Protein backbone atom coordinates (compact mmCIF):
# COMPACT_ATOMS: atom_id res chain seq x y z
CA MET A 1 111.17 122.95 105.28
CA LYS A 2 110.82 125.22 108.31
CA ALA A 3 107.11 124.49 108.52
CA TYR A 4 107.79 120.76 108.59
CA LEU A 5 110.35 121.13 111.38
CA LEU A 6 107.95 123.28 113.38
CA SER A 7 105.22 120.73 112.90
CA LEU A 8 107.55 117.93 114.06
CA ALA A 9 108.62 119.94 117.09
CA ALA A 10 105.00 120.67 118.05
CA GLY A 11 104.18 116.99 117.72
CA LEU A 12 107.09 116.02 119.95
CA VAL A 13 106.00 118.51 122.59
CA VAL A 14 102.43 117.26 122.56
CA GLY A 15 103.75 113.68 122.67
CA VAL A 16 105.81 114.48 125.80
CA ILE A 17 102.79 116.15 127.47
CA TYR A 18 100.62 113.12 126.68
CA SER A 19 103.29 110.85 128.11
CA LEU A 20 103.53 112.90 131.31
CA MET A 21 99.73 112.76 131.66
CA ASN A 22 99.68 109.00 130.95
CA VAL A 23 97.25 109.56 128.06
CA ARG A 24 97.25 107.56 124.81
CA SER A 25 97.70 109.65 121.68
CA PRO A 26 94.66 109.82 119.34
CA ALA A 27 97.02 109.76 116.32
CA PRO A 28 96.56 106.97 113.79
CA PRO A 29 98.88 104.00 114.08
CA LEU A 30 102.03 103.88 112.01
CA ILE A 31 100.53 101.31 109.61
CA ALA A 32 97.80 103.81 108.67
CA LEU A 33 100.34 106.58 108.04
CA ILE A 34 102.35 104.24 105.79
CA GLY A 35 99.14 103.43 103.88
CA LEU A 36 98.47 107.14 103.37
CA PHE A 37 102.02 107.65 102.10
CA GLY A 38 101.47 104.77 99.67
CA MET A 39 98.28 106.42 98.41
CA LEU A 40 100.16 109.72 97.75
CA VAL A 41 102.92 107.89 95.85
CA GLY A 42 100.44 105.71 94.00
CA GLU A 43 98.38 108.54 92.65
CA GLN A 44 101.45 109.95 90.93
CA ALA A 45 102.89 106.64 89.69
CA ILE A 46 100.87 106.21 86.47
CA PRO A 47 101.26 109.77 85.11
CA ILE A 48 105.02 109.77 85.85
CA GLY A 49 105.41 106.22 84.48
CA LYS A 50 103.74 107.24 81.22
CA ARG A 51 106.15 110.16 80.84
CA LEU A 52 109.15 107.96 81.58
CA ILE A 53 108.02 105.36 79.02
CA ALA A 54 107.60 108.18 76.48
CA GLY A 55 111.31 109.00 76.96
CA SER A 56 111.24 111.91 79.41
CA ALA A 57 113.88 112.30 82.07
CA PHE A 58 112.64 111.67 85.65
CA THR A 59 112.80 115.35 86.67
CA THR A 60 111.05 116.39 83.47
CA ALA A 61 108.33 113.77 84.12
CA LEU A 62 107.81 115.20 87.62
CA LYS A 63 107.52 118.76 86.28
CA ASP A 64 105.30 117.82 83.34
CA THR A 65 102.80 115.99 85.55
CA ARG A 66 103.13 118.57 88.26
CA ALA A 67 103.62 115.71 90.70
CA VAL A 68 105.11 118.10 93.23
CA ASP A 69 101.73 119.81 93.58
CA SER A 70 99.15 118.54 96.04
CA ASP A 71 95.36 118.62 95.96
CA LEU A 72 95.57 120.63 99.12
CA GLY A 73 97.98 123.19 97.71
CA GLN A 74 101.69 123.43 97.40
CA ALA A 75 104.07 122.31 100.03
CA PRO A 76 105.55 125.03 102.20
CA GLY A 77 108.49 126.77 100.56
CA ARG A 78 107.34 126.15 96.98
CA GLN A 79 106.42 129.07 94.82
CA ALA A 80 102.99 128.98 93.24
CA LEU A 81 102.81 129.09 89.47
CA GLN A 82 101.75 132.46 88.10
CA PRO A 83 98.36 132.39 86.29
CA ALA A 84 100.09 133.05 82.91
CA ALA A 85 102.40 130.07 83.45
CA ARG A 86 99.40 127.79 83.92
CA GLY A 87 97.73 129.10 80.77
CA GLU A 88 95.08 131.04 82.67
CA LYS A 89 94.13 134.68 82.23
CA SER A 90 94.95 136.94 85.15
CA SER A 91 92.07 139.09 86.32
């Protein structure tokens, strides 16, 4: 959570600097960010939905599909699974 707050604070500082310099931000418009969020939610909807239909609890469905993991790695503050927990051999 700390990394997210630091990222937000840095963005706010840069936004203020851009405003003082009368420069438009190169950041994507809000509609594009909402679309990206929809993509992230959508890619998890089918696997979680299948688990829910099979009778799993919502939290169990999230854990079983590893929906909390990202293609780019785990979110800050989350502990990575040990190789043995993923069924891999440690070297």
